[in-house]
Amino acid sequence: MSKVIIIMGSKADLEWANQISKVLKSFEIESISRIASAHKVPLKCYNLIKEYEKENVVFITIAGMSNALSGFTDAQTHCPVIACPPYSDKFGGTDLFSSIRMPSGVAPLAILSPENAALASAKILGLSNPHIKSKIIEYQDKKRTEIEAADKELVNGH
């Protein structure tokens, strides 16, 4: 079974996680959301990673400010990790550096959009799951159709 595990640094990230879960559901991908701060409860975080990685999942990590969660998760698992930090202009965007500057051997992907983080997860899982692959193709076709319809509407003056 294809599954995405969403780990949030705190309950404040729940709305971001719900946006990701909604898109995953459209691809018929199960998601499980958990809260485990790499700073505050690293042993809990480690244990969650080890528990879920047995199923060959994709992890999506959601943490802002000082995002140790994404690097910590990636360093502990062989599974793909996607960092999807909620953007805040509070620090002029500089808090994103903690998601994209990683030490050697630590390579979480960083995707800022919840929809695109879900899509990237689906594409990874779709490599070995034909049903998910077909859902991605449908999704992409729908996006193309929307663009064509918007252009046609513009050209026709509506």
N, C-alpha and C. Protein backbone atom coordinates (compact mmCIF):
# COMPACT_ATOMS: atom_id res chain seq x y z
N MET A 1 0.84 -1.20 0.00
CA MET A 1 0.00 0.00 0.00
C MET A 1 0.88 1.24 0.00
N SER A 2 0.56 2.18 -0.85
CA SER A 2 1.31 3.44 -0.91
C SER A 2 0.80 4.39 0.16
N LYS A 3 1.76 5.00 0.86
CA LYS A 3 1.38 5.83 1.99
C LYS A 3 2.36 6.99 2.14
N VAL A 4 1.82 8.13 2.57
CA VAL A 4 2.65 9.29 2.89
C VAL A 4 2.47 9.59 4.37
N ILE A 5 3.59 9.77 5.04
CA ILE A 5 3.58 10.11 6.45
C ILE A 5 3.94 11.59 6.56
N ILE A 6 3.04 12.36 7.13
CA ILE A 6 3.26 13.79 7.32
C ILE A 6 3.65 14.00 8.78
N ILE A 7 4.85 14.53 8.99
CA ILE A 7 5.28 14.82 10.35
C ILE A 7 5.36 16.34 10.50
N MET A 8 4.62 16.84 11.48
CA MET A 8 4.59 18.27 11.77
C MET A 8 5.41 18.55 13.01
N GLY A 9 6.03 19.73 13.04
CA GLY A 9 6.77 20.14 14.22
C GLY A 9 5.88 20.54 15.37
N SER A 10 4.67 21.00 15.06
CA SER A 10 3.72 21.38 16.11
C SER A 10 2.31 21.38 15.55
N LYS A 11 1.34 21.52 16.44
CA LYS A 11 -0.07 21.55 16.04
C LYS A 11 -0.36 22.76 15.15
N ALA A 12 0.46 23.79 15.26
CA ALA A 12 0.27 24.99 14.43
C ALA A 12 0.38 24.68 12.94
N ASP A 13 0.99 23.55 12.59
CA ASP A 13 1.18 23.16 11.20
C ASP A 13 0.03 22.32 10.64
N LEU A 14 -1.01 22.11 11.43
CA LEU A 14 -2.08 21.20 11.04
C LEU A 14 -2.81 21.62 9.76
N GLU A 15 -3.09 22.90 9.60
CA GLU A 15 -3.79 23.35 8.39
C GLU A 15 -2.96 23.06 7.14
N TRP A 16 -1.64 23.25 7.23
CA TRP A 16 -0.73 22.96 6.12
C TRP A 16 -0.81 21.47 5.79
N ALA A 17 -0.78 20.64 6.84
CA ALA A 17 -0.86 19.18 6.66
C ALA A 17 -2.19 18.79 6.03
N ASN A 18 -3.27 19.44 6.45
CA ASN A 18 -4.59 19.12 5.89
C ASN A 18 -4.66 19.44 4.40
N GLN A 19 -4.00 20.52 3.98
CA GLN A 19 -3.96 20.85 2.55
C GLN A 19 -3.25 19.75 1.76
N ILE A 20 -2.15 19.24 2.32
CA ILE A 20 -1.41 18.17 1.66
C ILE A 20 -2.26 16.91 1.60
N SER A 21 -2.87 16.55 2.72
CA SER A 21 -3.70 15.33 2.79
C SER A 21 -4.85 15.36 1.79
N LYS A 22 -5.45 16.54 1.61
CA LYS A 22 -6.56 16.68 0.67
C LYS A 22 -6.12 16.33 -0.76
N VAL A 23 -4.96 16.82 -1.15
CA VAL A 23 -4.45 16.52 -2.50
C VAL A 23 -4.08 15.05 -2.61
N LEU A 24 -3.43 14.52 -1.58
CA LEU A 24 -3.08 13.09 -1.60
C LEU A 24 -4.32 12.22 -1.75
N LYS A 25 -5.40 12.61 -1.11
CA LYS A 25 -6.65 11.87 -1.20
C LYS A 25 -7.16 11.84 -2.64
N SER A 26 -6.98 12.93 -3.37
CA SER A 26 -7.41 12.97 -4.76
C SER A 26 -6.63 11.99 -5.63
N PHE A 27 -5.43 11.63 -5.19
CA PHE A 27 -4.62 10.61 -5.87
C PHE A 27 -4.87 9.22 -5.29
N GLU A 28 -5.81 9.14 -4.34
CA GLU A 28 -6.13 7.90 -3.64
C GLU A 28 -4.92 7.34 -2.90
N ILE A 29 -4.18 8.26 -2.25
CA ILE A 29 -3.02 7.90 -1.44
C ILE A 29 -3.35 8.15 0.01
N GLU A 30 -3.13 7.14 0.82
CA GLU A 30 -3.37 7.27 2.25
C GLU A 30 -2.29 8.16 2.87
N SER A 31 -2.70 9.00 3.81
CA SER A 31 -1.73 9.80 4.55
C SER A 31 -2.02 9.69 6.03
N ILE A 32 -0.97 9.76 6.80
CA ILE A 32 -1.06 9.75 8.25
C ILE A 32 -0.31 10.98 8.74
N SER A 33 -0.95 11.77 9.58
CA SER A 33 -0.31 12.97 10.13
C SER A 33 0.05 12.74 11.59
N ARG A 34 1.28 13.15 11.94
CA ARG A 34 1.77 13.02 13.30
C ARG A 34 2.48 14.31 13.70
N ILE A 35 2.63 14.53 15.00
CA ILE A 35 3.36 15.69 15.51
C ILE A 35 4.55 15.18 16.31
N ALA A 36 5.74 15.62 15.91
CA ALA A 36 6.96 15.20 16.61
C ALA A 36 8.08 16.18 16.29
N SER A 37 8.35 17.09 17.15
CA SER A 37 9.40 18.08 16.94
C SER A 37 10.78 17.45 17.10
N ALA A 38 11.64 17.68 16.11
CA ALA A 38 13.02 17.17 16.19
C ALA A 38 13.79 17.89 17.29
N HIS A 39 13.40 19.12 17.59
CA HIS A 39 14.07 19.87 18.67
C HIS A 39 13.60 19.42 20.05
N LYS A 40 12.29 19.27 20.21
CA LYS A 40 11.72 19.06 21.54
C LYS A 40 11.54 17.60 21.93
N VAL A 41 11.25 16.73 20.96
CA VAL A 41 11.06 15.30 21.26
C VAL A 41 11.78 14.45 20.21
N PRO A 42 13.11 14.57 20.13
CA PRO A 42 13.84 13.85 19.08
C PRO A 42 13.69 12.33 19.14
N LEU A 43 13.60 11.76 20.31
CA LEU A 43 13.44 10.30 20.40
C LEU A 43 12.09 9.85 19.85
N LYS A 44 11.05 10.61 20.15
CA LYS A 44 9.73 10.30 19.59
C LYS A 44 9.79 10.40 18.07
N CYS A 45 10.40 11.46 17.58
CA CYS A 45 10.53 11.67 16.13
C CYS A 45 11.27 10.49 15.50
N TYR A 46 12.38 10.11 16.08
CA TYR A 46 13.18 8.98 15.58
C TYR A 46 12.34 7.70 15.56
N ASN A 47 11.63 7.43 16.63
CA ASN A 47 10.82 6.21 16.71
C ASN A 47 9.70 6.19 15.67
N LEU A 48 9.08 7.34 15.42
CA LEU A 48 8.05 7.40 14.37
C LEU A 48 8.65 7.10 13.00
N ILE A 49 9.79 7.69 12.73
CA ILE A 49 10.45 7.46 11.44
C ILE A 49 10.73 5.96 11.26
N LYS A 50 11.33 5.35 12.27
CA LYS A 50 11.69 3.93 12.20
C LYS A 50 10.45 3.03 12.09
N GLU A 51 9.38 3.42 12.75
CA GLU A 51 8.13 2.64 12.68
C GLU A 51 7.56 2.67 11.26
N TYR A 52 7.47 3.86 10.67
CA TYR A 52 6.80 3.98 9.37
C TYR A 52 7.69 3.61 8.19
N GLU A 53 8.99 3.73 8.30
CA GLU A 53 9.85 3.44 7.15
C GLU A 53 9.82 1.97 6.76
N LYS A 54 9.36 1.12 7.64
CA LYS A 54 9.25 -0.32 7.33
C LYS A 54 8.30 -0.54 6.16
N GLU A 55 7.42 0.41 5.91
CA GLU A 55 6.42 0.29 4.84
C GLU A 55 6.86 0.97 3.54
N ASN A 56 8.10 1.45 3.48
CA ASN A 56 8.59 2.17 2.30
C ASN A 56 7.65 3.30 1.90
N VAL A 57 7.56 4.27 2.77
CA VAL A 57 6.68 5.41 2.60
C VAL A 57 7.45 6.61 2.06
N VAL A 58 6.72 7.66 1.77
CA VAL A 58 7.31 8.98 1.53
C VAL A 58 6.95 9.82 2.76
N PHE A 59 7.95 10.51 3.30
CA PHE A 59 7.71 11.41 4.42
C PHE A 59 7.59 12.84 3.89
N ILE A 60 6.63 13.57 4.41
CA ILE A 60 6.56 15.02 4.19
C ILE A 60 6.69 15.64 5.56
N THR A 61 7.65 16.54 5.70
CA THR A 61 7.88 17.21 6.98
C THR A 61 7.44 18.66 6.88
N ILE A 62 6.77 19.11 7.94
CA ILE A 62 6.28 20.48 7.98
C ILE A 62 6.80 21.14 9.25
N ALA A 63 7.71 22.06 9.07
CA ALA A 63 8.25 22.82 10.20
C ALA A 63 8.80 24.12 9.67
N GLY A 64 8.52 25.18 10.36
CA GLY A 64 9.03 26.48 9.96
C GLY A 64 10.17 26.91 10.85
N MET A 65 10.51 28.16 10.75
CA MET A 65 11.58 28.79 11.54
C MET A 65 12.89 28.01 11.44
N SER A 66 13.21 27.23 12.44
CA SER A 66 14.44 26.45 12.42
C SER A 66 14.07 25.00 12.15
N ASN A 67 14.08 24.62 10.88
CA ASN A 67 13.53 23.34 10.44
C ASN A 67 14.54 22.20 10.58
N ALA A 68 14.75 21.76 11.80
CA ALA A 68 15.59 20.58 12.02
C ALA A 68 14.85 19.31 11.62
N LEU A 69 13.53 19.37 11.63
CA LEU A 69 12.71 18.19 11.38
C LEU A 69 13.02 17.53 10.04
N SER A 70 13.15 18.32 8.99
CA SER A 70 13.36 17.74 7.66
C SER A 70 14.71 17.05 7.56
N GLY A 71 15.75 17.72 7.98
CA GLY A 71 17.08 17.12 7.94
C GLY A 71 17.21 15.93 8.86
N PHE A 72 16.65 16.04 10.05
CA PHE A 72 16.68 14.94 11.01
C PHE A 72 15.97 13.72 10.42
N THR A 73 14.79 13.93 9.86
CA THR A 73 14.03 12.82 9.28
C THR A 73 14.81 12.18 8.15
N ASP A 74 15.34 12.99 7.25
CA ASP A 74 16.06 12.46 6.11
C ASP A 74 17.30 11.67 6.53
N ALA A 75 18.00 12.15 7.54
CA ALA A 75 19.22 11.48 7.99
C ALA A 75 18.94 10.14 8.66
N GLN A 76 17.70 9.90 9.07
CA GLN A 76 17.37 8.67 9.80
C GLN A 76 16.70 7.60 8.94
N THR A 77 16.41 7.92 7.66
CA THR A 77 15.63 6.97 6.86
C THR A 77 16.18 6.82 5.45
N HIS A 78 15.88 5.67 4.86
CA HIS A 78 16.21 5.42 3.45
C HIS A 78 15.08 5.90 2.54
N CYS A 79 13.95 6.27 3.12
CA CYS A 79 12.78 6.70 2.34
C CYS A 79 12.93 8.17 1.92
N PRO A 80 12.25 8.56 0.83
CA PRO A 80 12.28 9.96 0.41
C PRO A 80 11.64 10.87 1.44
N VAL A 81 12.20 12.06 1.60
CA VAL A 81 11.67 13.07 2.51
C VAL A 81 11.48 14.37 1.73
N ILE A 82 10.31 14.94 1.87
CA ILE A 82 10.00 16.22 1.24
C ILE A 82 9.73 17.23 2.35
N ALA A 83 10.55 18.27 2.41
CA ALA A 83 10.32 19.36 3.36
C ALA A 83 9.31 20.32 2.73
N CYS A 84 8.27 20.61 3.46
CA CYS A 84 7.25 21.55 2.97
C CYS A 84 6.99 22.58 4.07
N PRO A 85 7.97 23.46 4.30
CA PRO A 85 7.82 24.43 5.39
C PRO A 85 6.78 25.50 5.06
N PRO A 86 5.94 25.83 6.03
CA PRO A 86 4.99 26.92 5.79
C PRO A 86 5.76 28.24 5.68
N TYR A 87 5.53 28.94 4.61
CA TYR A 87 6.26 30.19 4.38
C TYR A 87 5.74 31.29 5.30
N SER A 88 6.66 32.05 5.82
CA SER A 88 6.31 33.22 6.62
C SER A 88 7.19 34.37 6.18
N ASP A 89 6.57 35.53 5.94
CA ASP A 89 7.39 36.69 5.58
C ASP A 89 7.91 37.40 6.82
N LYS A 90 7.62 36.82 7.98
CA LYS A 90 8.04 37.39 9.25
C LYS A 90 9.55 37.63 9.30
N PHE A 91 10.31 36.73 8.72
CA PHE A 91 11.76 36.84 8.71
C PHE A 91 12.28 37.15 7.31
N GLY A 92 11.44 37.71 6.47
CA GLY A 92 11.84 38.04 5.11
C GLY A 92 12.20 36.83 4.28
N GLY A 93 11.65 35.68 4.64
CA GLY A 93 11.93 34.46 3.90
C GLY A 93 13.20 33.75 4.32
N THR A 94 13.99 34.35 5.19
CA THR A 94 15.27 33.74 5.56
C THR A 94 15.12 32.45 6.36
N ASP A 95 13.96 32.23 6.96
CA ASP A 95 13.76 30.98 7.69
C ASP A 95 13.78 29.76 6.76
N LEU A 96 13.62 29.99 5.45
CA LEU A 96 13.69 28.89 4.48
C LEU A 96 15.09 28.29 4.40
N PHE A 97 16.10 29.06 4.76
CA PHE A 97 17.46 28.53 4.70
C PHE A 97 17.61 27.26 5.53
N SER A 98 16.90 27.17 6.64
CA SER A 98 17.02 25.98 7.49
C SER A 98 16.42 24.75 6.82
N SER A 99 15.66 24.94 5.74
CA SER A 99 15.10 23.81 4.99
C SER A 99 15.93 23.44 3.77
N ILE A 100 16.72 24.38 3.27
CA ILE A 100 17.44 24.11 2.02
C ILE A 100 18.95 23.97 2.18
N ARG A 101 19.49 24.38 3.30
CA ARG A 101 20.93 24.24 3.54
C ARG A 101 21.14 23.04 4.46
N MET A 102 21.54 21.92 3.87
CA MET A 102 21.70 20.69 4.63
C MET A 102 23.15 20.22 4.57
N PRO A 103 23.58 19.48 5.59
CA PRO A 103 24.94 18.93 5.57
C PRO A 103 25.05 17.80 4.55
N SER A 104 26.27 17.41 4.24
CA SER A 104 26.48 16.33 3.27
C SER A 104 25.80 15.06 3.76
N GLY A 105 25.25 14.31 2.83
CA GLY A 105 24.58 13.06 3.17
C GLY A 105 23.15 13.22 3.65
N VAL A 106 22.67 14.45 3.70
CA VAL A 106 21.29 14.72 4.13
C VAL A 106 20.62 15.48 2.98
N ALA A 107 19.59 14.86 2.38
CA ALA A 107 19.06 15.41 1.13
C ALA A 107 17.54 15.42 1.03
N PRO A 108 16.85 16.09 1.96
CA PRO A 108 15.41 16.21 1.77
C PRO A 108 15.13 17.16 0.60
N LEU A 109 14.10 16.84 -0.16
CA LEU A 109 13.65 17.76 -1.19
C LEU A 109 12.92 18.90 -0.50
N ALA A 110 12.91 20.07 -1.07
CA ALA A 110 12.19 21.20 -0.47
C ALA A 110 11.17 21.72 -1.48
N ILE A 111 9.91 21.68 -1.09
CA ILE A 111 8.82 22.16 -1.93
C ILE A 111 7.91 23.01 -1.06
N LEU A 112 7.70 24.25 -1.43
CA LEU A 112 6.96 25.18 -0.58
C LEU A 112 5.45 25.04 -0.67
N SER A 113 4.93 24.60 -1.79
CA SER A 113 3.49 24.50 -1.99
C SER A 113 2.97 23.16 -1.46
N PRO A 114 1.96 23.18 -0.59
CA PRO A 114 1.38 21.92 -0.12
C PRO A 114 0.87 21.04 -1.27
N GLU A 115 0.23 21.66 -2.26
CA GLU A 115 -0.27 20.90 -3.41
C GLU A 115 0.88 20.22 -4.15
N ASN A 116 1.96 20.96 -4.36
CA ASN A 116 3.09 20.40 -5.10
C ASN A 116 3.86 19.37 -4.28
N ALA A 117 3.89 19.51 -2.97
CA ALA A 117 4.53 18.49 -2.13
C ALA A 117 3.75 17.17 -2.25
N ALA A 118 2.44 17.27 -2.26
CA ALA A 118 1.61 16.07 -2.44
C ALA A 118 1.83 15.47 -3.82
N LEU A 119 1.89 16.32 -4.85
CA LEU A 119 2.13 15.84 -6.21
C LEU A 119 3.48 15.14 -6.32
N ALA A 120 4.51 15.72 -5.74
CA ALA A 120 5.84 15.09 -5.79
C ALA A 120 5.81 13.73 -5.10
N SER A 121 5.11 13.64 -3.97
CA SER A 121 4.97 12.35 -3.29
C SER A 121 4.27 11.34 -4.18
N ALA A 122 3.21 11.78 -4.83
CA ALA A 122 2.47 10.90 -5.73
C ALA A 122 3.35 10.42 -6.88
N LYS A 123 4.16 11.31 -7.42
CA LYS A 123 5.04 10.91 -8.52
C LYS A 123 6.07 9.88 -8.06
N ILE A 124 6.59 10.04 -6.86
CA ILE A 124 7.54 9.06 -6.32
C ILE A 124 6.83 7.70 -6.17
N LEU A 125 5.66 7.71 -5.55
CA LEU A 125 4.92 6.47 -5.35
C LEU A 125 4.42 5.89 -6.67
N GLY A 126 4.13 6.76 -7.62
CA GLY A 126 3.64 6.32 -8.92
C GLY A 126 4.67 5.56 -9.75
N LEU A 127 5.93 5.68 -9.40
CA LEU A 127 6.97 4.92 -10.10
C LEU A 127 6.76 3.42 -9.98
N SER A 128 6.16 3.00 -8.87
CA SER A 128 5.94 1.56 -8.66
C SER A 128 4.46 1.20 -8.50
N ASN A 129 3.58 2.17 -8.70
CA ASN A 129 2.16 1.93 -8.55
C ASN A 129 1.41 2.48 -9.76
N PRO A 130 1.00 1.60 -10.69
CA PRO A 130 0.33 2.05 -11.92
C PRO A 130 -0.96 2.84 -11.68
N HIS A 131 -1.70 2.52 -10.62
CA HIS A 131 -2.94 3.25 -10.34
C HIS A 131 -2.65 4.71 -10.00
N ILE A 132 -1.64 4.92 -9.16
CA ILE A 132 -1.27 6.30 -8.81
C ILE A 132 -0.74 7.02 -10.05
N LYS A 133 0.04 6.33 -10.85
CA LYS A 133 0.56 6.92 -12.09
C LYS A 133 -0.59 7.40 -12.98
N SER A 134 -1.64 6.61 -13.10
CA SER A 134 -2.78 7.02 -13.93
C SER A 134 -3.50 8.23 -13.33
N LYS A 135 -3.56 8.31 -12.00
CA LYS A 135 -4.17 9.46 -11.33
C LYS A 135 -3.36 10.74 -11.58
N ILE A 136 -2.04 10.62 -11.62
CA ILE A 136 -1.17 11.76 -11.91
C ILE A 136 -1.40 12.24 -13.34
N ILE A 137 -1.50 11.32 -14.26
CA ILE A 137 -1.75 11.69 -15.66
C ILE A 137 -3.10 12.41 -15.79
N GLU A 138 -4.13 11.92 -15.10
CA GLU A 138 -5.43 12.59 -15.09
C GLU A 138 -5.32 14.00 -14.53
N TYR A 139 -4.60 14.14 -13.42
CA TYR A 139 -4.39 15.44 -12.76
C TYR A 139 -3.71 16.42 -13.72
N GLN A 140 -2.65 15.95 -14.39
CA GLN A 140 -1.93 16.82 -15.32
C GLN A 140 -2.80 17.21 -16.51
N ASP A 141 -3.58 16.25 -17.00
CA ASP A 141 -4.50 16.57 -18.11
C ASP A 141 -5.52 17.62 -17.69
N LYS A 142 -6.03 17.50 -16.47
CA LYS A 142 -6.99 18.48 -15.95
C LYS A 142 -6.35 19.87 -15.87
N LYS A 143 -5.12 19.95 -15.40
CA LYS A 143 -4.42 21.23 -15.31
C LYS A 143 -4.23 21.84 -16.70
N ARG A 144 -3.87 21.01 -17.67
CA ARG A 144 -3.71 21.51 -19.04
C ARG A 144 -5.03 22.02 -19.61
N THR A 145 -6.10 21.28 -19.36
CA THR A 145 -7.43 21.67 -19.84
C THR A 145 -7.85 23.01 -19.23
N GLU A 146 -7.55 23.21 -17.95
CA GLU A 146 -7.87 24.47 -17.28
C GLU A 146 -7.15 25.64 -17.94
N ILE A 147 -5.89 25.44 -18.29
CA ILE A 147 -5.11 26.51 -18.95
C ILE A 147 -5.68 26.81 -20.33
N GLU A 148 -5.99 25.76 -21.08
CA GLU A 148 -6.56 25.96 -22.42
C GLU A 148 -7.90 26.69 -22.34
N ALA A 149 -8.72 26.33 -21.36
CA ALA A 149 -10.03 26.98 -21.20
C ALA A 149 -9.86 28.45 -20.81
N ALA A 150 -8.90 28.73 -19.95
CA ALA A 150 -8.66 30.12 -19.54
C ALA A 150 -8.18 30.95 -20.72
N ASP A 151 -7.31 30.37 -21.55
CA ASP A 151 -6.83 31.09 -22.74
C ASP A 151 -7.96 31.34 -23.72
N LYS A 152 -8.77 30.33 -23.95
CA LYS A 152 -9.91 30.45 -24.89
C LYS A 152 -10.86 31.54 -24.41
N GLU A 153 -11.12 31.56 -23.10
CA GLU A 153 -12.01 32.58 -22.50
C GLU A 153 -11.41 33.97 -22.71
N LEU A 154 -10.13 34.10 -22.52
CA LEU A 154 -9.46 35.38 -22.70
C LEU A 154 -9.53 35.85 -24.15
N VAL A 155 -9.25 34.96 -25.06
CA VAL A 155 -9.26 35.28 -26.49
C VAL A 155 -10.67 35.68 -26.94
N ASN A 156 -11.67 35.01 -26.41
CA ASN A 156 -13.05 35.29 -26.80
C ASN A 156 -13.65 36.48 -26.04
N GLY A 157 -12.86 37.11 -25.18
CA GLY A 157 -13.30 38.31 -24.51
C GLY A 157 -14.29 38.11 -23.36
N HIS A 158 -14.26 36.97 -22.75
CA HIS A 158 -15.18 36.74 -21.62
C HIS A 158 -14.49 36.99 -20.33
